[in-house]
Amino acid sequence: VPEADLPRFYQMASWQATHELAEINAPHGFMRYH
């Protein structure tokens, strides 16, 4: 459950790009926010 890369998420230009980054950031579905 890797740490969410919030600075990169905040820079995403579209929801599709956010989805693509989430698939990379959360290889098992979850990421850590805190």
Full PDB file with SEQRES, HELIX, SHEET, SSBOND, CRYST1, ORIGX, SCALE, CONECT and MASTER records, all heavy atoms in Angstrom:
SEQRES   1 A   34  VAL PRO GLU ALA ASP LEU PRO ARG PHE TYR GLN MET ALA          
SEQRES   2 A   34  SER TRP GLN ALA THR HIS GLU LEU ALA GLU ILE ASN ALA          
SEQRES   3 A   34  PRO HIS GLY PHE MET ARG TYR HIS                              
HELIX    1 AA1 LEU A    6  TYR A   10  1                                   5    
HELIX    2 AA2 TRP A   15  ASN A   25  1                                  11    
CRYST1    1.000    1.000    1.000  90.00  90.00  90.00 P 1           1          
ORIGX1      1.000000  0.000000  0.000000        0.00000                         
ORIGX2      0.000000  1.000000  0.000000        0.00000                         
ORIGX3      0.000000  0.000000  1.000000        0.00000                         
SCALE1      1.000000  0.000000  0.000000        0.00000                         
SCALE2      0.000000  1.000000  0.000000        0.00000                         
SCALE3      0.000000  0.000000  1.000000        0.00000                         
ATOM      1  N   VAL A   1       0.876  -1.181   0.000  1.00  0.00           N  
ATOM      2  CA  VAL A   1       0.000   0.000   0.000  1.00  0.00           C  
ATOM      3  C   VAL A   1       0.912   1.230   0.000  1.00  0.00           C  
ATOM      4  O   VAL A   1       1.189   1.822   1.037  1.00  0.00           O  
ATOM      5  CB  VAL A   1      -0.945   0.001   1.231  1.00  0.00           C  
ATOM      6  CG1 VAL A   1      -1.902   1.185   1.179  1.00  0.00           C  
ATOM      7  CG2 VAL A   1      -1.712  -1.314   1.330  1.00  0.00           C  
ATOM      8  N   PRO A   2       1.401   1.608  -1.183  1.00  0.00           N  
ATOM      9  CA  PRO A   2       2.363   2.721  -1.248  1.00  0.00           C  
ATOM     10  C   PRO A   2       1.728   4.061  -0.888  1.00  0.00           C  
ATOM     11  O   PRO A   2       0.517   4.244  -0.998  1.00  0.00           O  
ATOM     12  CB  PRO A   2       2.817   2.730  -2.710  1.00  0.00           C  
ATOM     13  CG  PRO A   2       2.108   1.634  -3.401  1.00  0.00           C  
ATOM     14  CD  PRO A   2       1.117   1.021  -2.478  1.00  0.00           C  
ATOM     15  N   GLU A   3       2.573   4.967  -0.477  1.00  0.00           N  
ATOM     16  CA  GLU A   3       2.116   6.323  -0.169  1.00  0.00           C  
ATOM     17  C   GLU A   3       1.567   6.977  -1.429  1.00  0.00           C  
ATOM     18  O   GLU A   3       2.153   6.881  -2.505  1.00  0.00           O  
ATOM     19  CB  GLU A   3       3.280   7.144   0.384  1.00  0.00           C  
ATOM     20  CG  GLU A   3       2.875   8.515   0.850  1.00  0.00           C  
ATOM     21  CD  GLU A   3       4.019   9.275   1.502  1.00  0.00           C  
ATOM     22  OE1 GLU A   3       5.143   8.736   1.604  1.00  0.00           O  
ATOM     23  OE2 GLU A   3       3.778  10.418   1.907  1.00  0.00           O  
ATOM     24  N   ALA A   4       0.421   7.634  -1.299  1.00  0.00           N  
ATOM     25  CA  ALA A   4      -0.170   8.361  -2.430  1.00  0.00           C  
ATOM     26  C   ALA A   4       0.765   9.501  -2.824  1.00  0.00           C  
ATOM     27  O   ALA A   4       1.218  10.263  -1.969  1.00  0.00           O  
ATOM     28  CB  ALA A   4      -1.542   8.905  -2.053  1.00  0.00           C  
ATOM     29  N   ASP A   5       1.036   9.606  -4.091  1.00  0.00           N  
ATOM     30  CA  ASP A   5       1.899  10.670  -4.604  1.00  0.00           C  
ATOM     31  C   ASP A   5       1.040  11.913  -4.845  1.00  0.00           C  
ATOM     32  O   ASP A   5       0.729  12.277  -5.982  1.00  0.00           O  
ATOM     33  CB  ASP A   5       2.585  10.205  -5.891  1.00  0.00           C  
ATOM     34  CG  ASP A   5       3.671  11.148  -6.351  1.00  0.00           C  
ATOM     35  OD1 ASP A   5       3.798  12.264  -5.796  1.00  0.00           O  
ATOM     36  OD2 ASP A   5       4.397  10.775  -7.302  1.00  0.00           O  
ATOM     37  N   LEU A   6       0.628  12.541  -3.748  1.00  0.00           N  
ATOM     38  CA  LEU A   6      -0.319  13.650  -3.841  1.00  0.00           C  
ATOM     39  C   LEU A   6       0.173  14.808  -4.704  1.00  0.00           C  
ATOM     40  O   LEU A   6      -0.608  15.340  -5.499  1.00  0.00           O  
ATOM     41  CB  LEU A   6      -0.716  14.120  -2.442  1.00  0.00           C  
ATOM     42  CG  LEU A   6      -1.497  13.091  -1.618  1.00  0.00           C  
ATOM     43  CD1 LEU A   6      -1.811  13.640  -0.229  1.00  0.00           C  
ATOM     44  CD2 LEU A   6      -2.760  12.639  -2.320  1.00  0.00           C  
ATOM     45  N   PRO A   7       1.424  15.229  -4.618  1.00  0.00           N  
ATOM     46  CA  PRO A   7       1.858  16.323  -5.501  1.00  0.00           C  
ATOM     47  C   PRO A   7       1.640  16.003  -6.986  1.00  0.00           C  
ATOM     48  O   PRO A   7       1.213  16.862  -7.751  1.00  0.00           O  
ATOM     49  CB  PRO A   7       3.348  16.484  -5.174  1.00  0.00           C  
ATOM     50  CG  PRO A   7       3.473  16.007  -3.768  1.00  0.00           C  
ATOM     51  CD  PRO A   7       2.482  14.870  -3.659  1.00  0.00           C  
ATOM     52  N   ARG A   8       1.896  14.754  -7.384  1.00  0.00           N  
ATOM     53  CA  ARG A   8       1.658  14.383  -8.788  1.00  0.00           C  
ATOM     54  C   ARG A   8       0.171  14.335  -9.092  1.00  0.00           C  
ATOM     55  O   ARG A   8      -0.258  14.755 -10.159  1.00  0.00           O  
ATOM     56  CB  ARG A   8       2.316  13.039  -9.108  1.00  0.00           C  
ATOM     57  CG  ARG A   8       3.820  13.197  -9.269  1.00  0.00           C  
ATOM     58  CD  ARG A   8       4.499  11.989  -9.836  1.00  0.00           C  
ATOM     59  NE  ARG A   8       4.033  11.667 -11.178  1.00  0.00           N  
ATOM     60  CZ  ARG A   8       4.103  10.438 -11.687  1.00  0.00           C  
ATOM     61  NH1 ARG A   8       4.597   9.442 -10.992  1.00  0.00           N  
ATOM     62  NH2 ARG A   8       3.676  10.206 -12.909  1.00  0.00           N  
ATOM     63  N   PHE A   9      -0.636  13.805  -8.153  1.00  0.00           N  
ATOM     64  CA  PHE A   9      -2.084  13.768  -8.393  1.00  0.00           C  
ATOM     65  C   PHE A   9      -2.638  15.175  -8.573  1.00  0.00           C  
ATOM     66  O   PHE A   9      -3.499  15.408  -9.416  1.00  0.00           O  
ATOM     67  CB  PHE A   9      -2.822  13.041  -7.268  1.00  0.00           C  
ATOM     68  CG  PHE A   9      -2.800  11.543  -7.399  1.00  0.00           C  
ATOM     69  CD1 PHE A   9      -2.095  10.768  -6.489  1.00  0.00           C  
ATOM     70  CD2 PHE A   9      -3.478  10.911  -8.435  1.00  0.00           C  
ATOM     71  CE1 PHE A   9      -2.071   9.386  -6.610  1.00  0.00           C  
ATOM     72  CE2 PHE A   9      -3.455   9.529  -8.566  1.00  0.00           C  
ATOM     73  CZ  PHE A   9      -2.752   8.765  -7.652  1.00  0.00           C  
ATOM     74  N   TYR A  10      -2.147  16.118  -7.780  1.00  0.00           N  
ATOM     75  CA  TYR A  10      -2.642  17.493  -7.878  1.00  0.00           C  
ATOM     76  C   TYR A  10      -2.315  18.137  -9.224  1.00  0.00           C  
ATOM     77  O   TYR A  10      -2.948  19.101  -9.622  1.00  0.00           O  
ATOM     78  CB  TYR A  10      -2.073  18.358  -6.754  1.00  0.00           C  
ATOM     79  CG  TYR A  10      -2.484  17.938  -5.356  1.00  0.00           C  
ATOM     80  CD1 TYR A  10      -1.664  18.227  -4.276  1.00  0.00           C  
ATOM     81  CD2 TYR A  10      -3.670  17.273  -5.105  1.00  0.00           C  
ATOM     82  CE1 TYR A  10      -2.023  17.863  -2.983  1.00  0.00           C  
ATOM     83  CE2 TYR A  10      -4.032  16.906  -3.835  1.00  0.00           C  
ATOM     84  CZ  TYR A  10      -3.205  17.196  -2.767  1.00  0.00           C  
ATOM     85  OH  TYR A  10      -3.570  16.832  -1.498  1.00  0.00           O  
ATOM     86  N   GLN A  11      -1.326  17.602  -9.926  1.00  0.00           N  
ATOM     87  CA  GLN A  11      -0.909  18.158 -11.215  1.00  0.00           C  
ATOM     88  C   GLN A  11      -1.612  17.521 -12.411  1.00  0.00           C  
ATOM     89  O   GLN A  11      -1.418  17.975 -13.540  1.00  0.00           O  
ATOM     90  CB  GLN A  11       0.599  17.982 -11.399  1.00  0.00           C  
ATOM     91  CG  GLN A  11       1.423  18.773 -10.416  1.00  0.00           C  
ATOM     92  CD  GLN A  11       2.902  18.454 -10.547  1.00  0.00           C  
ATOM     93  OE1 GLN A  11       3.321  17.645 -11.361  1.00  0.00           O  
ATOM     94  NE2 GLN A  11       3.705  19.103  -9.721  1.00  0.00           N  
ATOM     95  N   MET A  12      -2.419  16.507 -12.181  1.00  0.00           N  
ATOM     96  CA  MET A  12      -3.045  15.806 -13.304  1.00  0.00           C  
ATOM     97  C   MET A  12      -4.000  16.734 -14.053  1.00  0.00           C  
ATOM     98  O   MET A  12      -4.778  17.464 -13.449  1.00  0.00           O  
ATOM     99  CB  MET A  12      -3.804  14.560 -12.824  1.00  0.00           C  
ATOM    100  CG  MET A  12      -2.924  13.461 -12.252  1.00  0.00           C  
ATOM    101  SD  MET A  12      -1.755  12.738 -13.444  1.00  0.00           S  
ATOM    102  CE  MET A  12      -0.253  13.607 -13.078  1.00  0.00           C  
ATOM    103  N   ALA A  13      -3.920  16.688 -15.380  1.00  0.00           N  
ATOM    104  CA  ALA A  13      -4.700  17.587 -16.228  1.00  0.00           C  
ATOM    105  C   ALA A  13      -6.100  17.049 -16.523  1.00  0.00           C  
ATOM    106  O   ALA A  13      -6.952  17.792 -16.997  1.00  0.00           O  
ATOM    107  CB  ALA A  13      -3.959  17.829 -17.536  1.00  0.00           C  
ATOM    108  N   SER A  14      -6.331  15.759 -16.249  1.00  0.00           N  
ATOM    109  CA  SER A  14      -7.639  15.175 -16.530  1.00  0.00           C  
ATOM    110  C   SER A  14      -7.904  14.035 -15.552  1.00  0.00           C  
ATOM    111  O   SER A  14      -6.973  13.502 -14.931  1.00  0.00           O  
ATOM    112  CB  SER A  14      -7.692  14.642 -17.961  1.00  0.00           C  
ATOM    113  OG  SER A  14      -6.863  13.497 -18.082  1.00  0.00           O  
ATOM    114  N   TRP A  15      -9.176  13.655 -15.472  1.00  0.00           N  
ATOM    115  CA  TRP A  15      -9.542  12.526 -14.598  1.00  0.00           C  
ATOM    116  C   TRP A  15      -8.959  11.238 -15.166  1.00  0.00           C  
ATOM    117  O   TRP A  15      -8.560  10.350 -14.412  1.00  0.00           O  
ATOM    118  CB  TRP A  15     -11.059  12.451 -14.436  1.00  0.00           C  
ATOM    119  CG  TRP A  15     -11.471  11.507 -13.357  1.00  0.00           C  
ATOM    120  CD1 TRP A  15     -12.223  10.385 -13.505  1.00  0.00           C  
ATOM    121  CD2 TRP A  15     -11.151  11.579 -11.962  1.00  0.00           C  
ATOM    122  NE1 TRP A  15     -12.392   9.756 -12.293  1.00  0.00           N  
ATOM    123  CE2 TRP A  15     -11.733  10.472 -11.326  1.00  0.00           C  
ATOM    124  CE3 TRP A  15     -10.406  12.470 -11.185  1.00  0.00           C  
ATOM    125  CZ2 TRP A  15     -11.618  10.219  -9.960  1.00  0.00           C  
ATOM    126  CZ3 TRP A  15     -10.288  12.223  -9.818  1.00  0.00           C  
ATOM    127  CH2 TRP A  15     -10.893  11.113  -9.224  1.00  0.00           C  
ATOM    128  N   GLN A  16      -8.877  11.121 -16.472  1.00  0.00           N  
ATOM    129  CA  GLN A  16      -8.258   9.943 -17.102  1.00  0.00           C  
ATOM    130  C   GLN A  16      -6.785   9.832 -16.682  1.00  0.00           C  
ATOM    131  O   GLN A  16      -6.310   8.752 -16.359  1.00  0.00           O  
ATOM    132  CB  GLN A  16      -8.374  10.005 -18.629  1.00  0.00           C  
ATOM    133  CG  GLN A  16      -7.731   8.820 -19.338  1.00  0.00           C  
ATOM    134  CD  GLN A  16      -8.308   7.480 -18.932  1.00  0.00           C  
ATOM    135  OE1 GLN A  16      -9.506   7.348 -18.713  1.00  0.00           O  
ATOM    136  NE2 GLN A  16      -7.455   6.477 -18.795  1.00  0.00           N  
ATOM    137  N   ALA A  17      -6.076  10.946 -16.672  1.00  0.00           N  
ATOM    138  CA  ALA A  17      -4.675  10.936 -16.234  1.00  0.00           C  
ATOM    139  C   ALA A  17      -4.584  10.550 -14.757  1.00  0.00           C  
ATOM    140  O   ALA A  17      -3.659   9.831 -14.355  1.00  0.00           O  
ATOM    141  CB  ALA A  17      -4.037  12.302 -16.476  1.00  0.00           C  
ATOM    142  N   THR A  18      -5.534  10.998 -13.963  1.00  0.00           N  
ATOM    143  CA  THR A  18      -5.579  10.628 -12.545  1.00  0.00           C  
ATOM    144  C   THR A  18      -5.756   9.117 -12.408  1.00  0.00           C  
ATOM    145  O   THR A  18      -5.082   8.469 -11.599  1.00  0.00           O  
ATOM    146  CB  THR A  18      -6.708  11.386 -11.827  1.00  0.00           C  
ATOM    147  OG1 THR A  18      -6.438  12.788 -11.909  1.00  0.00           O  
ATOM    148  CG2 THR A  18      -6.833  10.979 -10.379  1.00  0.00           C  
ATOM    149  N   HIS A  19      -6.660   8.540 -13.198  1.00  0.00           N  
ATOM    150  CA  HIS A  19      -6.861   7.084 -13.186  1.00  0.00           C  
ATOM    151  C   HIS A  19      -5.581   6.340 -13.548  1.00  0.00           C  
ATOM    152  O   HIS A  19      -5.226   5.349 -12.898  1.00  0.00           O  
ATOM    153  CB  HIS A  19      -7.971   6.690 -14.172  1.00  0.00           C  
ATOM    154  CG  HIS A  19      -9.329   6.663 -13.571  1.00  0.00           C  
ATOM    155  ND1 HIS A  19      -9.829   5.581 -12.902  1.00  0.00           N  
ATOM    156  CD2 HIS A  19     -10.302   7.597 -13.541  1.00  0.00           C  
ATOM    157  CE1 HIS A  19     -11.053   5.836 -12.488  1.00  0.00           C  
ATOM    158  NE2 HIS A  19     -11.359   7.064 -12.858  1.00  0.00           N  
ATOM    159  N   GLU A  20      -4.907   6.817 -14.564  1.00  0.00           N  
ATOM    160  CA  GLU A  20      -3.677   6.162 -15.012  1.00  0.00           C  
ATOM    161  C   GLU A  20      -2.603   6.211 -13.926  1.00  0.00           C  
ATOM    162  O   GLU A  20      -1.917   5.207 -13.679  1.00  0.00           O  
ATOM    163  CB  GLU A  20      -3.187   6.792 -16.312  1.00  0.00           C  
ATOM    164  CG  GLU A  20      -4.110   6.488 -17.483  1.00  0.00           C  
ATOM    165  CD  GLU A  20      -3.841   7.328 -18.721  1.00  0.00           C  
ATOM    166  OE1 GLU A  20      -2.847   8.096 -18.745  1.00  0.00           O  
ATOM    167  OE2 GLU A  20      -4.646   7.220 -19.675  1.00  0.00           O  
ATOM    168  N   LEU A  21      -2.469   7.349 -13.264  1.00  0.00           N  
ATOM    169  CA  LEU A  21      -1.493   7.450 -12.178  1.00  0.00           C  
ATOM    170  C   LEU A  21      -1.910   6.570 -11.000  1.00  0.00           C  
ATOM    171  O   LEU A  21      -1.063   5.926 -10.376  1.00  0.00           O  
ATOM    172  CB  LEU A  21      -1.329   8.903 -11.732  1.00  0.00           C  
ATOM    173  CG  LEU A  21      -0.333   9.144 -10.594  1.00  0.00           C  
ATOM    174  CD1 LEU A  21       1.058   8.596 -10.927  1.00  0.00           C  
ATOM    175  CD2 LEU A  21      -0.262  10.634 -10.265  1.00  0.00           C  
ATOM    176  N   ALA A  22      -3.202   6.502 -10.702  1.00  0.00           N  
ATOM    177  CA  ALA A  22      -3.672   5.662  -9.596  1.00  0.00           C  
ATOM    178  C   ALA A  22      -3.356   4.189  -9.849  1.00  0.00           C  
ATOM    179  O   ALA A  22      -2.993   3.458  -8.925  1.00  0.00           O  
ATOM    180  CB  ALA A  22      -5.166   5.859  -9.365  1.00  0.00           C  
ATOM    181  N   GLU A  23      -3.474   3.751 -11.090  1.00  0.00           N  
ATOM    182  CA  GLU A  23      -3.142   2.357 -11.406  1.00  0.00           C  
ATOM    183  C   GLU A  23      -1.672   2.062 -11.150  1.00  0.00           C  
ATOM    184  O   GLU A  23      -1.318   0.967 -10.719  1.00  0.00           O  
ATOM    185  CB  GLU A  23      -3.505   2.044 -12.859  1.00  0.00           C  
ATOM    186  CG  GLU A  23      -5.004   1.926 -13.070  1.00  0.00           C  
ATOM    187  CD  GLU A  23      -5.373   1.594 -14.511  1.00  0.00           C  
ATOM    188  OE1 GLU A  23      -4.492   1.094 -15.261  1.00  0.00           O  
ATOM    189  OE2 GLU A  23      -6.526   1.837 -14.879  1.00  0.00           O  
ATOM    190  N   ILE A  24      -0.824   3.054 -11.388  1.00  0.00           N  
ATOM    191  CA  ILE A  24       0.605   2.898 -11.130  1.00  0.00           C  
ATOM    192  C   ILE A  24       0.879   3.004  -9.634  1.00  0.00           C  
ATOM    193  O   ILE A  24       1.611   2.192  -9.063  1.00  0.00           O  
ATOM    194  CB  ILE A  24       1.420   3.966 -11.898  1.00  0.00           C  
ATOM    195  CG1 ILE A  24       1.288   3.747 -13.402  1.00  0.00           C  
ATOM    196  CG2 ILE A  24       2.883   3.973 -11.462  1.00  0.00           C  
ATOM    197  CD1 ILE A  24       1.752   4.928 -14.242  1.00  0.00           C  
ATOM    198  N   ASN A  25       0.293   4.004  -8.981  1.00  0.00           N  
ATOM    199  CA  ASN A  25       0.553   4.297  -7.568  1.00  0.00           C  
ATOM    200  C   ASN A  25      -0.043   3.234  -6.641  1.00  0.00           C  
ATOM    201  O   ASN A  25       0.462   3.025  -5.546  1.00  0.00           O  
ATOM    202  CB  ASN A  25       0.005   5.672  -7.213  1.00  0.00           C  
ATOM    203  CG  ASN A  25       0.590   6.278  -5.946  1.00  0.00           C  
ATOM    204  OD1 ASN A  25       0.470   7.474  -5.753  1.00  0.00           O  
ATOM    205  ND2 ASN A  25       1.219   5.508  -5.069  1.00  0.00           N  
ATOM    206  N   ALA A  26      -1.121   2.576  -7.070  1.00  0.00           N  
ATOM    207  CA  ALA A  26      -1.810   1.598  -6.219  1.00  0.00           C  
ATOM    208  C   ALA A  26      -1.877   0.247  -6.932  1.00  0.00           C  
ATOM    209  O   ALA A  26      -2.941  -0.168  -7.385  1.00  0.00           O  
ATOM    210  CB  ALA A  26      -3.205   2.107  -5.882  1.00  0.00           C  
ATOM    211  N   PRO A  27      -0.751  -0.462  -7.042  1.00  0.00           N  
ATOM    212  CA  PRO A  27      -0.740  -1.701  -7.819  1.00  0.00           C  
ATOM    213  C   PRO A  27      -1.695  -2.778  -7.296  1.00  0.00           C  
ATOM    214  O   PRO A  27      -2.101  -3.657  -8.041  1.00  0.00           O  
ATOM    215  CB  PRO A  27       0.721  -2.160  -7.759  1.00  0.00           C  
ATOM    216  CG  PRO A  27       1.303  -1.457  -6.579  1.00  0.00           C  
ATOM    217  CD  PRO A  27       0.544  -0.178  -6.432  1.00  0.00           C  
ATOM    218  N   HIS A  28      -2.070  -2.688  -6.023  1.00  0.00           N  
ATOM    219  CA  HIS A  28      -3.012  -3.654  -5.436  1.00  0.00           C  
ATOM    220  C   HIS A  28      -4.328  -2.986  -5.063  1.00  0.00           C  
ATOM    221  O   HIS A  28      -5.098  -3.515  -4.253  1.00  0.00           O  
ATOM    222  CB  HIS A  28      -2.380  -4.346  -4.233  1.00  0.00           C  
ATOM    223  CG  HIS A  28      -1.100  -5.041  -4.572  1.00  0.00           C  
ATOM    224  ND1 HIS A  28      -1.053  -6.191  -5.333  1.00  0.00           N  
ATOM    225  CD2 HIS A  28       0.183  -4.717  -4.300  1.00  0.00           C  
ATOM    226  CE1 HIS A  28       0.201  -6.557  -5.502  1.00  0.00           C  
ATOM    227  NE2 HIS A  28       0.968  -5.682  -4.886  1.00  0.00           N  
ATOM    228  N   GLY A  29      -4.577  -1.807  -5.630  1.00  0.00           N  
ATOM    229  CA  GLY A  29      -5.858  -1.144  -5.432  1.00  0.00           C  
ATOM    230  C   GLY A  29      -5.862  -0.042  -4.400  1.00  0.00           C  
ATOM    231  O   GLY A  29      -6.692   0.854  -4.458  1.00  0.00           O  
ATOM    232  N   PHE A  30      -4.962  -0.099  -3.425  1.00  0.00           N  
ATOM    233  CA  PHE A  30      -4.952   0.875  -2.334  1.00  0.00           C  
ATOM    234  C   PHE A  30      -3.647   1.660  -2.307  1.00  0.00           C  
ATOM    235  O   PHE A  30      -2.596   1.153  -2.670  1.00  0.00           O  
ATOM    236  CB  PHE A  30      -5.097   0.179  -0.970  1.00  0.00           C  
ATOM    237  CG  PHE A  30      -6.406  -0.493  -0.740  1.00  0.00           C  
ATOM    238  CD1 PHE A  30      -6.470  -1.857  -0.481  1.00  0.00           C  
ATOM    239  CD2 PHE A  30      -7.595   0.226  -0.755  1.00  0.00           C  
ATOM    240  CE1 PHE A  30      -7.680  -2.482  -0.235  1.00  0.00           C  
ATOM    241  CE2 PHE A  30      -8.817  -0.393  -0.513  1.00  0.00           C  
ATOM    242  CZ  PHE A  30      -8.861  -1.761  -0.262  1.00  0.00           C  
ATOM    243  N   MET A  31      -3.762   2.892  -1.817  1.00  0.00           N  
ATOM    244  CA  MET A  31      -2.586   3.699  -1.506  1.00  0.00           C  
ATOM    245  C   MET A  31      -2.795   4.339  -0.130  1.00  0.00           C  
ATOM    246  O   MET A  31      -3.922   4.429   0.349  1.00  0.00           O  
ATOM    247  CB  MET A  31      -2.301   4.727  -2.595  1.00  0.00           C  
ATOM    248  CG  MET A  31      -3.419   5.679  -2.908  1.00  0.00           C  
ATOM    249  SD  MET A  31      -3.102   6.621  -4.429  1.00  0.00           S  
ATOM    250  CE  MET A  31      -4.288   5.853  -5.531  1.00  0.00           C  
ATOM    251  N   ARG A  32      -1.694   4.763   0.482  1.00  0.00           N  
ATOM    252  CA  ARG A  32      -1.754   5.371   1.818  1.00  0.00           C  
ATOM    253  C   ARG A  32      -1.854   6.888   1.706  1.00  0.00           C  
ATOM    254  O   ARG A  32      -1.053   7.522   1.041  1.00  0.00           O  
ATOM    255  CB  ARG A  32      -0.472   5.057   2.612  1.00  0.00           C  
ATOM    256  CG  ARG A  32      -0.386   3.657   3.101  1.00  0.00           C  
ATOM    257  CD  ARG A  32       0.903   3.405   3.896  1.00  0.00           C  
ATOM    258  NE  ARG A  32       2.047   3.273   2.992  1.00  0.00           N  
ATOM    259  CZ  ARG A  32       3.119   4.041   3.030  1.00  0.00           C  
ATOM    260  NH1 ARG A  32       3.260   4.990   3.924  1.00  0.00           N  
ATOM    261  NH2 ARG A  32       4.113   3.852   2.176  1.00  0.00           N  
ATOM    262  N   TYR A  33      -2.835   7.439   2.425  1.00  0.00           N  
ATOM    263  CA  TYR A  33      -3.002   8.886   2.478  1.00  0.00           C  
ATOM    264  C   TYR A  33      -2.469   9.470   3.784  1.00  0.00           C  
ATOM    265  O   TYR A  33      -2.203  10.666   3.860  1.00  0.00           O  
ATOM    266  CB  TYR A  33      -4.481   9.256   2.323  1.00  0.00           C  
ATOM    267  CG  TYR A  33      -5.005   8.912   0.955  1.00  0.00           C  
ATOM    268  CD1 TYR A  33      -5.611   7.688   0.712  1.00  0.00           C  
ATOM    269  CD2 TYR A  33      -4.866   9.801  -0.104  1.00  0.00           C  
ATOM    270  CE1 TYR A  33      -6.074   7.367  -0.545  1.00  0.00           C  
ATOM    271  CE2 TYR A  33      -5.323   9.477  -1.372  1.00  0.00           C  
ATOM    272  CZ  TYR A  33      -5.935   8.256  -1.581  1.00  0.00           C  
ATOM    273  OH  TYR A  33      -6.385   7.927  -2.831  1.00  0.00           O  
ATOM    274  N   HIS A  34      -2.341   8.617   4.803  1.00  0.00           N  
ATOM    275  CA  HIS A  34      -1.861   9.096   6.095  1.00  0.00           C  
ATOM    276  C   HIS A  34      -1.328   7.914   6.891  1.00  0.00           C  
ATOM    277  O   HIS A  34      -1.841   6.801   6.792  1.00  0.00           O  
ATOM    278  CB  HIS A  34      -2.998   9.770   6.866  1.00  0.00           C  
ATOM    279  CG  HIS A  34      -2.604  10.273   8.210  1.00  0.00           C  
ATOM    280  ND1 HIS A  34      -1.829  11.400   8.370  1.00  0.00           N  
ATOM    281  CD2 HIS A  34      -2.853   9.806   9.445  1.00  0.00           C  
ATOM    282  CE1 HIS A  34      -1.637  11.604   9.670  1.00  0.00           C  
ATOM    283  NE2 HIS A  34      -2.248  10.639  10.337  1.00  0.00           N  
TER     284      HIS A  34                                                      
MASTER        0    0    0    2    0    0    0    6  283    1    0    3          
END                                                                             
